[in-house]
Amino acid sequence: MAISTVRPDGWPQTTIVGYANDGLVIYFLIYRSSQKFANIQHDDRVSIAVGEEPRELRELKAVFAGAHAREVTDTKEGEHAWRLLVRRHPNLAAFAVPEGSETAMMRVVCQYVSVLDYSKGLGHNEALTIGGDDAAMTHSSRTEDWGSTAARQKS
């Protein structure tokens, strides 16, 4: 997952982290000494992106979200997050839960979500704003013309 944080000078900083999710709640582990942790302490707004390079453009699927990040301080939630991370990343299974003095388990609840699914048409995306116990779709679009135009121009 790519995560973008806000540097103290206002510029975005994007890095890659391993993550696990429980619905719209995303967990990731970072070092307390990292610039990412310092950025989140200064401004908890983050932007995340999850996707992979498709073989064909029409197979593109990705999720983007804006949210606020916070450190997990509840022991039970931290253990739950660690179990999710180990399940998603089996290479972590040989490790004990990292020491809180060196690392921070972070929690992000997706708030502004965009879902790309080009299998429904080139450029198809849906935008959701999630707040409280309800979700509201705010925008859905399909820009099939872009793909048709690009294909005609190539011919």
N, C-alpha and C. Protein backbone atom coordinates (compact mmCIF):
# COMPACT_ATOMS: atom_id res chain seq x y z
N MET A 1 0.86 -1.16 0.00
CA MET A 1 0.00 0.00 0.00
C MET A 1 0.90 1.22 0.00
N ALA A 2 0.55 2.19 -0.81
CA ALA A 2 1.25 3.47 -0.77
C ALA A 2 0.49 4.37 0.19
N ILE A 3 1.23 5.05 1.04
CA ILE A 3 0.62 5.99 1.97
C ILE A 3 1.33 7.32 1.83
N SER A 4 0.54 8.36 1.71
CA SER A 4 1.09 9.71 1.63
C SER A 4 0.75 10.45 2.91
N THR A 5 1.78 11.09 3.46
CA THR A 5 1.61 11.89 4.66
C THR A 5 1.98 13.33 4.31
N VAL A 6 1.69 14.24 5.21
CA VAL A 6 1.99 15.66 4.99
C VAL A 6 3.24 16.02 5.78
N ARG A 7 4.28 16.45 5.08
CA ARG A 7 5.50 16.88 5.75
C ARG A 7 5.26 18.22 6.44
N PRO A 8 6.07 18.57 7.41
CA PRO A 8 5.90 19.86 8.10
C PRO A 8 5.96 21.07 7.16
N ASP A 9 6.67 20.93 6.02
CA ASP A 9 6.74 22.04 5.07
C ASP A 9 5.55 22.06 4.11
N GLY A 10 4.60 21.14 4.30
CA GLY A 10 3.39 21.11 3.48
C GLY A 10 3.45 20.19 2.27
N TRP A 11 4.63 19.73 1.92
CA TRP A 11 4.76 18.83 0.77
C TRP A 11 4.32 17.42 1.16
N PRO A 12 3.74 16.67 0.20
CA PRO A 12 3.38 15.28 0.49
C PRO A 12 4.61 14.39 0.46
N GLN A 13 4.55 13.32 1.22
CA GLN A 13 5.60 12.31 1.21
C GLN A 13 4.91 10.96 1.10
N THR A 14 5.28 10.18 0.09
CA THR A 14 4.65 8.88 -0.15
C THR A 14 5.67 7.77 0.06
N THR A 15 5.24 6.74 0.78
CA THR A 15 6.07 5.56 1.01
C THR A 15 5.18 4.32 0.89
N ILE A 16 5.82 3.19 0.88
CA ILE A 16 5.12 1.91 0.79
C ILE A 16 5.17 1.23 2.15
N VAL A 17 4.03 0.68 2.58
CA VAL A 17 3.96 -0.06 3.83
C VAL A 17 3.17 -1.35 3.61
N GLY A 18 3.49 -2.36 4.41
CA GLY A 18 2.65 -3.55 4.46
C GLY A 18 1.42 -3.20 5.28
N TYR A 19 0.29 -3.76 4.93
CA TYR A 19 -0.94 -3.42 5.64
C TYR A 19 -1.83 -4.64 5.74
N ALA A 20 -2.83 -4.52 6.58
CA ALA A 20 -3.92 -5.48 6.67
C ALA A 20 -5.17 -4.67 6.96
N ASN A 21 -6.29 -5.20 6.58
CA ASN A 21 -7.53 -4.46 6.84
C ASN A 21 -8.58 -5.33 7.50
N ASP A 22 -9.46 -4.65 8.19
CA ASP A 22 -10.65 -5.25 8.79
C ASP A 22 -11.79 -4.37 8.30
N GLY A 23 -12.32 -4.70 7.13
CA GLY A 23 -13.30 -3.83 6.49
C GLY A 23 -12.61 -2.55 6.05
N LEU A 24 -13.16 -1.42 6.44
CA LEU A 24 -12.60 -0.13 6.06
C LEU A 24 -11.55 0.39 7.04
N VAL A 25 -11.21 -0.44 8.03
CA VAL A 25 -10.15 -0.09 8.98
C VAL A 25 -8.86 -0.75 8.49
N ILE A 26 -7.84 0.07 8.31
CA ILE A 26 -6.55 -0.41 7.81
C ILE A 26 -5.50 -0.24 8.90
N TYR A 27 -4.68 -1.29 9.05
CA TYR A 27 -3.61 -1.28 10.04
C TYR A 27 -2.27 -1.39 9.33
N PHE A 28 -1.27 -0.69 9.85
CA PHE A 28 0.09 -0.84 9.37
C PHE A 28 1.03 -0.50 10.52
N LEU A 29 2.23 -1.03 10.43
CA LEU A 29 3.23 -0.88 11.49
C LEU A 29 4.37 -0.03 10.95
N ILE A 30 4.79 0.99 11.73
CA ILE A 30 5.89 1.84 11.30
C ILE A 30 6.85 2.07 12.48
N TYR A 31 8.06 2.45 12.15
CA TYR A 31 9.03 2.79 13.18
C TYR A 31 8.75 4.18 13.74
N ARG A 32 8.90 4.31 15.02
CA ARG A 32 8.72 5.61 15.67
C ARG A 32 9.77 6.62 15.20
N SER A 33 10.91 6.13 14.77
CA SER A 33 11.99 7.00 14.31
C SER A 33 11.82 7.44 12.85
N SER A 34 10.77 6.98 12.19
CA SER A 34 10.60 7.27 10.76
C SER A 34 10.02 8.67 10.52
N GLN A 35 10.30 9.18 9.34
CA GLN A 35 9.73 10.46 8.94
C GLN A 35 8.21 10.34 8.84
N LYS A 36 7.73 9.18 8.42
CA LYS A 36 6.29 8.94 8.30
C LYS A 36 5.59 9.12 9.65
N PHE A 37 6.17 8.57 10.70
CA PHE A 37 5.57 8.71 12.04
C PHE A 37 5.59 10.18 12.46
N ALA A 38 6.70 10.85 12.24
CA ALA A 38 6.79 12.27 12.58
C ALA A 38 5.76 13.09 11.82
N ASN A 39 5.59 12.78 10.54
CA ASN A 39 4.60 13.50 9.73
C ASN A 39 3.19 13.31 10.28
N ILE A 40 2.85 12.07 10.64
CA ILE A 40 1.50 11.78 11.16
C ILE A 40 1.30 12.46 12.51
N GLN A 41 2.34 12.53 13.32
CA GLN A 41 2.23 13.21 14.61
C GLN A 41 1.95 14.70 14.40
N HIS A 42 2.52 15.26 13.35
CA HIS A 42 2.36 16.68 13.04
C HIS A 42 0.99 16.96 12.40
N ASP A 43 0.56 16.06 11.48
CA ASP A 43 -0.71 16.21 10.75
C ASP A 43 -1.20 14.81 10.43
N ASP A 44 -2.32 14.41 11.03
CA ASP A 44 -2.76 13.01 10.92
C ASP A 44 -3.49 12.68 9.61
N ARG A 45 -3.60 13.65 8.71
CA ARG A 45 -4.25 13.36 7.42
C ARG A 45 -3.32 12.53 6.54
N VAL A 46 -3.88 11.46 5.98
CA VAL A 46 -3.13 10.58 5.08
C VAL A 46 -3.97 10.26 3.86
N SER A 47 -3.29 9.86 2.83
CA SER A 47 -3.94 9.37 1.63
C SER A 47 -3.31 8.02 1.32
N ILE A 48 -4.14 7.03 1.00
CA ILE A 48 -3.61 5.70 0.70
C ILE A 48 -4.06 5.26 -0.68
N ALA A 49 -3.28 4.36 -1.26
CA ALA A 49 -3.61 3.79 -2.56
C ALA A 49 -3.23 2.32 -2.54
N VAL A 50 -4.15 1.49 -2.99
CA VAL A 50 -3.91 0.05 -3.08
C VAL A 50 -4.31 -0.39 -4.48
N GLY A 51 -3.42 -1.05 -5.17
CA GLY A 51 -3.71 -1.55 -6.51
C GLY A 51 -2.49 -2.27 -7.04
N GLU A 52 -2.63 -2.82 -8.21
CA GLU A 52 -1.50 -3.48 -8.85
C GLU A 52 -1.59 -3.24 -10.34
N GLU A 53 -0.47 -3.37 -11.01
CA GLU A 53 -0.40 -3.16 -12.45
C GLU A 53 -1.15 -4.30 -13.16
N PRO A 54 -2.20 -3.99 -13.92
CA PRO A 54 -2.95 -5.05 -14.60
C PRO A 54 -2.26 -5.48 -15.89
N ARG A 55 -2.58 -6.68 -16.35
CA ARG A 55 -2.06 -7.14 -17.65
C ARG A 55 -2.71 -6.36 -18.77
N GLU A 56 -3.99 -6.09 -18.63
CA GLU A 56 -4.77 -5.34 -19.62
C GLU A 56 -5.41 -4.15 -18.92
N LEU A 57 -5.53 -3.03 -19.61
CA LEU A 57 -6.10 -1.83 -19.02
C LEU A 57 -7.49 -2.07 -18.45
N ARG A 58 -8.29 -2.88 -19.14
CA ARG A 58 -9.66 -3.15 -18.69
C ARG A 58 -9.72 -3.99 -17.41
N GLU A 59 -8.59 -4.48 -16.93
CA GLU A 59 -8.53 -5.24 -15.68
C GLU A 59 -8.15 -4.37 -14.49
N LEU A 60 -7.91 -3.09 -14.72
CA LEU A 60 -7.46 -2.20 -13.65
C LEU A 60 -8.50 -2.09 -12.54
N LYS A 61 -8.07 -2.35 -11.33
CA LYS A 61 -8.89 -2.18 -10.13
C LYS A 61 -7.99 -1.60 -9.06
N ALA A 62 -8.45 -0.56 -8.39
CA ALA A 62 -7.65 0.09 -7.36
C ALA A 62 -8.58 0.80 -6.39
N VAL A 63 -8.06 1.03 -5.20
CA VAL A 63 -8.80 1.77 -4.17
C VAL A 63 -7.90 2.88 -3.66
N PHE A 64 -8.46 4.06 -3.52
CA PHE A 64 -7.77 5.22 -2.97
C PHE A 64 -8.62 5.75 -1.83
N ALA A 65 -7.98 6.24 -0.79
CA ALA A 65 -8.77 6.77 0.34
C ALA A 65 -8.00 7.88 1.04
N GLY A 66 -8.75 8.83 1.52
CA GLY A 66 -8.24 9.86 2.40
C GLY A 66 -8.77 9.56 3.79
N ALA A 67 -7.95 9.80 4.80
CA ALA A 67 -8.35 9.43 6.15
C ALA A 67 -7.47 10.13 7.17
N HIS A 68 -7.76 9.86 8.41
CA HIS A 68 -6.92 10.31 9.53
C HIS A 68 -6.28 9.08 10.13
N ALA A 69 -4.99 9.17 10.43
CA ALA A 69 -4.26 8.05 11.03
C ALA A 69 -4.06 8.33 12.51
N ARG A 70 -4.10 7.26 13.28
CA ARG A 70 -3.81 7.40 14.71
C ARG A 70 -3.13 6.14 15.18
N GLU A 71 -2.38 6.28 16.25
CA GLU A 71 -1.70 5.12 16.81
C GLU A 71 -2.69 4.28 17.61
N VAL A 72 -2.57 2.97 17.47
CA VAL A 72 -3.39 2.04 18.25
C VAL A 72 -2.79 1.99 19.65
N THR A 73 -3.59 2.32 20.65
CA THR A 73 -3.10 2.29 22.04
C THR A 73 -3.76 1.19 22.86
N ASP A 74 -4.87 0.65 22.38
CA ASP A 74 -5.57 -0.43 23.07
C ASP A 74 -4.85 -1.75 22.80
N THR A 75 -4.45 -2.45 23.84
CA THR A 75 -3.69 -3.70 23.71
C THR A 75 -4.43 -4.74 22.89
N LYS A 76 -5.72 -4.92 23.13
CA LYS A 76 -6.48 -5.93 22.39
C LYS A 76 -6.58 -5.59 20.91
N GLU A 77 -6.79 -4.30 20.62
CA GLU A 77 -6.85 -3.91 19.21
C GLU A 77 -5.48 -4.10 18.56
N GLY A 78 -4.41 -3.79 19.28
CA GLY A 78 -3.07 -3.99 18.75
C GLY A 78 -2.79 -5.45 18.44
N GLU A 79 -3.21 -6.34 19.32
CA GLU A 79 -3.04 -7.78 19.08
C GLU A 79 -3.86 -8.23 17.88
N HIS A 80 -5.09 -7.72 17.77
CA HIS A 80 -5.95 -8.03 16.62
C HIS A 80 -5.28 -7.57 15.33
N ALA A 81 -4.76 -6.35 15.34
CA ALA A 81 -4.08 -5.80 14.16
C ALA A 81 -2.87 -6.65 13.79
N TRP A 82 -2.09 -7.07 14.79
CA TRP A 82 -0.92 -7.90 14.52
C TRP A 82 -1.34 -9.23 13.89
N ARG A 83 -2.40 -9.85 14.41
CA ARG A 83 -2.89 -11.12 13.83
C ARG A 83 -3.28 -10.91 12.36
N LEU A 84 -3.96 -9.80 12.07
CA LEU A 84 -4.35 -9.51 10.68
C LEU A 84 -3.12 -9.33 9.79
N LEU A 85 -2.12 -8.61 10.31
CA LEU A 85 -0.89 -8.40 9.52
C LEU A 85 -0.17 -9.72 9.26
N VAL A 86 -0.08 -10.59 10.27
CA VAL A 86 0.59 -11.88 10.10
C VAL A 86 -0.19 -12.74 9.10
N ARG A 87 -1.50 -12.70 9.16
CA ARG A 87 -2.31 -13.48 8.22
C ARG A 87 -2.08 -12.99 6.78
N ARG A 88 -2.00 -11.70 6.60
CA ARG A 88 -1.81 -11.14 5.25
C ARG A 88 -0.35 -11.26 4.80
N HIS A 89 0.57 -11.20 5.73
CA HIS A 89 2.01 -11.26 5.43
C HIS A 89 2.63 -12.40 6.23
N PRO A 90 2.52 -13.64 5.76
CA PRO A 90 3.00 -14.80 6.51
C PRO A 90 4.48 -14.73 6.89
N ASN A 91 5.26 -13.92 6.18
CA ASN A 91 6.69 -13.80 6.52
C ASN A 91 6.88 -13.15 7.90
N LEU A 92 5.85 -12.58 8.48
CA LEU A 92 5.93 -12.00 9.82
C LEU A 92 5.68 -13.03 10.93
N ALA A 93 5.21 -14.22 10.56
CA ALA A 93 4.80 -15.21 11.55
C ALA A 93 5.92 -15.60 12.51
N ALA A 94 7.15 -15.55 12.09
CA ALA A 94 8.28 -15.95 12.94
C ALA A 94 8.64 -14.87 13.96
N PHE A 95 8.03 -13.70 13.85
CA PHE A 95 8.35 -12.59 14.73
C PHE A 95 7.31 -12.43 15.83
N ALA A 96 7.77 -11.96 16.96
CA ALA A 96 6.85 -11.61 18.05
C ALA A 96 6.28 -10.23 17.75
N VAL A 97 5.22 -9.88 18.47
CA VAL A 97 4.66 -8.54 18.32
C VAL A 97 5.77 -7.55 18.62
N PRO A 98 6.03 -6.62 17.70
CA PRO A 98 7.14 -5.67 17.91
C PRO A 98 6.96 -4.82 19.16
N GLU A 99 8.09 -4.43 19.73
CA GLU A 99 8.09 -3.58 20.92
C GLU A 99 7.52 -2.21 20.60
N GLY A 100 6.64 -1.73 21.44
CA GLY A 100 6.03 -0.42 21.25
C GLY A 100 7.01 0.73 21.40
N SER A 101 8.16 0.47 22.01
CA SER A 101 9.15 1.54 22.16
C SER A 101 9.83 1.85 20.83
N GLU A 102 9.83 0.88 19.90
CA GLU A 102 10.48 1.07 18.60
C GLU A 102 9.50 1.29 17.47
N THR A 103 8.31 0.69 17.59
CA THR A 103 7.34 0.75 16.50
C THR A 103 6.00 1.28 16.99
N ALA A 104 5.19 1.66 16.03
CA ALA A 104 3.83 2.10 16.33
C ALA A 104 2.87 1.39 15.39
N MET A 105 1.86 0.73 15.96
CA MET A 105 0.80 0.15 15.15
C MET A 105 -0.17 1.29 14.85
N MET A 106 -0.41 1.51 13.58
CA MET A 106 -1.25 2.62 13.17
C MET A 106 -2.59 2.11 12.65
N ARG A 107 -3.61 2.96 12.81
CA ARG A 107 -4.98 2.63 12.41
C ARG A 107 -5.50 3.77 11.55
N VAL A 108 -6.06 3.41 10.42
CA VAL A 108 -6.67 4.36 9.51
C VAL A 108 -8.09 3.88 9.22
N VAL A 109 -9.05 4.75 9.37
CA VAL A 109 -10.42 4.43 8.98
C VAL A 109 -10.72 5.22 7.72
N CYS A 110 -10.94 4.52 6.62
CA CYS A 110 -11.16 5.18 5.34
C CYS A 110 -12.37 6.10 5.41
N GLN A 111 -12.19 7.32 4.94
CA GLN A 111 -13.26 8.31 4.99
C GLN A 111 -13.69 8.75 3.59
N TYR A 112 -12.76 9.14 2.76
CA TYR A 112 -13.05 9.54 1.38
C TYR A 112 -12.48 8.46 0.48
N VAL A 113 -13.35 7.65 -0.11
CA VAL A 113 -12.92 6.47 -0.83
C VAL A 113 -13.27 6.59 -2.31
N SER A 114 -12.31 6.27 -3.16
CA SER A 114 -12.54 6.17 -4.61
C SER A 114 -12.16 4.76 -5.03
N VAL A 115 -13.03 4.14 -5.79
CA VAL A 115 -12.80 2.79 -6.28
C VAL A 115 -12.77 2.83 -7.80
N LEU A 116 -11.65 2.42 -8.37
CA LEU A 116 -11.55 2.31 -9.83
C LEU A 116 -11.82 0.86 -10.20
N ASP A 117 -12.66 0.67 -11.21
CA ASP A 117 -12.92 -0.68 -11.71
C ASP A 117 -13.16 -0.57 -13.22
N TYR A 118 -12.09 -0.71 -13.98
CA TYR A 118 -12.18 -0.55 -15.43
C TYR A 118 -12.87 -1.72 -16.10
N SER A 119 -13.13 -2.81 -15.37
CA SER A 119 -13.89 -3.92 -15.97
C SER A 119 -15.33 -3.48 -16.23
N LYS A 120 -15.75 -2.39 -15.59
CA LYS A 120 -17.10 -1.84 -15.79
C LYS A 120 -17.09 -0.73 -16.83
N GLY A 121 -15.96 -0.51 -17.48
CA GLY A 121 -15.81 0.53 -18.48
C GLY A 121 -14.57 1.34 -18.17
N LEU A 122 -13.83 1.72 -19.21
CA LEU A 122 -12.61 2.48 -18.99
C LEU A 122 -12.93 3.78 -18.26
N GLY A 123 -12.19 4.04 -17.21
CA GLY A 123 -12.39 5.24 -16.43
C GLY A 123 -13.47 5.12 -15.37
N HIS A 124 -14.11 3.95 -15.23
CA HIS A 124 -15.19 3.81 -14.25
C HIS A 124 -14.65 3.98 -12.84
N ASN A 125 -15.27 4.87 -12.10
CA ASN A 125 -14.90 5.05 -10.70
C ASN A 125 -16.11 5.41 -9.89
N GLU A 126 -16.04 5.08 -8.64
CA GLU A 126 -17.09 5.43 -7.68
C GLU A 126 -16.43 6.10 -6.50
N ALA A 127 -17.03 7.18 -6.03
CA ALA A 127 -16.48 7.90 -4.88
C ALA A 127 -17.49 7.83 -3.75
N LEU A 128 -16.99 7.55 -2.57
CA LEU A 128 -17.83 7.44 -1.38
C LEU A 128 -17.27 8.33 -0.28
N THR A 129 -18.15 8.92 0.48
CA THR A 129 -17.74 9.60 1.70
C THR A 129 -18.36 8.82 2.83
N ILE A 130 -17.53 8.39 3.75
CA ILE A 130 -17.98 7.53 4.84
C ILE A 130 -17.84 8.30 6.14
N GLY A 131 -18.93 8.37 6.88
CA GLY A 131 -18.90 9.07 8.15
C GLY A 131 -19.86 8.43 9.12
N GLY A 132 -19.43 8.22 10.32
CA GLY A 132 -20.30 7.61 11.32
C GLY A 132 -20.68 6.21 10.93
N ASP A 133 -21.95 5.90 11.07
CA ASP A 133 -22.43 4.55 10.77
C ASP A 133 -22.99 4.41 9.37
N ASP A 134 -22.93 5.49 8.57
CA ASP A 134 -23.51 5.39 7.24
C ASP A 134 -22.50 5.76 6.17
N ALA A 135 -22.78 5.34 4.96
CA ALA A 135 -21.94 5.66 3.81
C ALA A 135 -22.81 6.28 2.74
N ALA A 136 -22.28 7.24 2.05
CA ALA A 136 -23.03 7.90 0.99
C ALA A 136 -22.20 7.97 -0.27
N MET A 137 -22.77 7.50 -1.39
CA MET A 137 -22.07 7.61 -2.66
C MET A 137 -22.21 9.05 -3.12
N THR A 138 -21.10 9.67 -3.40
CA THR A 138 -21.14 11.07 -3.81
C THR A 138 -20.91 11.25 -5.30
N HIS A 139 -20.33 10.24 -5.97
CA HIS A 139 -20.01 10.42 -7.38
C HIS A 139 -19.74 9.06 -8.00
N SER A 140 -20.24 8.88 -9.18
CA SER A 140 -19.92 7.70 -9.96
C SER A 140 -19.80 8.15 -11.39
N SER A 141 -18.73 7.72 -12.05
CA SER A 141 -18.57 8.14 -13.43
C SER A 141 -17.94 7.05 -14.26
N ARG A 142 -18.13 7.21 -15.56
CA ARG A 142 -17.56 6.27 -16.51
C ARG A 142 -17.14 7.09 -17.71
N THR A 143 -15.90 6.99 -18.07
CA THR A 143 -15.41 7.78 -19.19
C THR A 143 -14.98 6.85 -20.32
N GLU A 144 -15.92 6.06 -20.80
CA GLU A 144 -15.66 5.09 -21.87
C GLU A 144 -15.12 5.79 -23.11
N ASP A 145 -15.53 7.03 -23.34
CA ASP A 145 -15.07 7.76 -24.51
C ASP A 145 -13.55 7.86 -24.55
N TRP A 146 -12.91 8.03 -23.38
CA TRP A 146 -11.46 8.15 -23.35
C TRP A 146 -10.82 6.92 -24.00
N GLY A 147 -11.26 5.73 -23.61
CA GLY A 147 -10.68 4.51 -24.16
C GLY A 147 -10.96 4.37 -25.63
N SER A 148 -12.16 4.73 -26.06
CA SER A 148 -12.52 4.65 -27.47
C SER A 148 -11.69 5.62 -28.28
N THR A 149 -11.53 6.82 -27.79
CA THR A 149 -10.74 7.85 -28.48
C THR A 149 -9.29 7.42 -28.57
N ALA A 150 -8.73 6.91 -27.47
CA ALA A 150 -7.33 6.49 -27.46
C ALA A 150 -7.11 5.34 -28.45
N ALA A 151 -8.06 4.40 -28.52
CA ALA A 151 -7.94 3.27 -29.41
C ALA A 151 -8.00 3.73 -30.87
N ARG A 152 -8.88 4.68 -31.17
CA ARG A 152 -9.00 5.19 -32.56
C ARG A 152 -7.73 5.95 -32.95
N GLN A 153 -7.15 6.70 -32.04
CA GLN A 153 -5.96 7.48 -32.35
C GLN A 153 -4.77 6.57 -32.63
N LYS A 154 -4.72 5.41 -32.00
CA LYS A 154 -3.61 4.48 -32.18
C LYS A 154 -3.68 3.80 -33.53
N SER A 155 -4.89 3.59 -34.06
CA SER A 155 -5.08 2.87 -35.32
C SER A 155 -4.48 3.58 -36.51
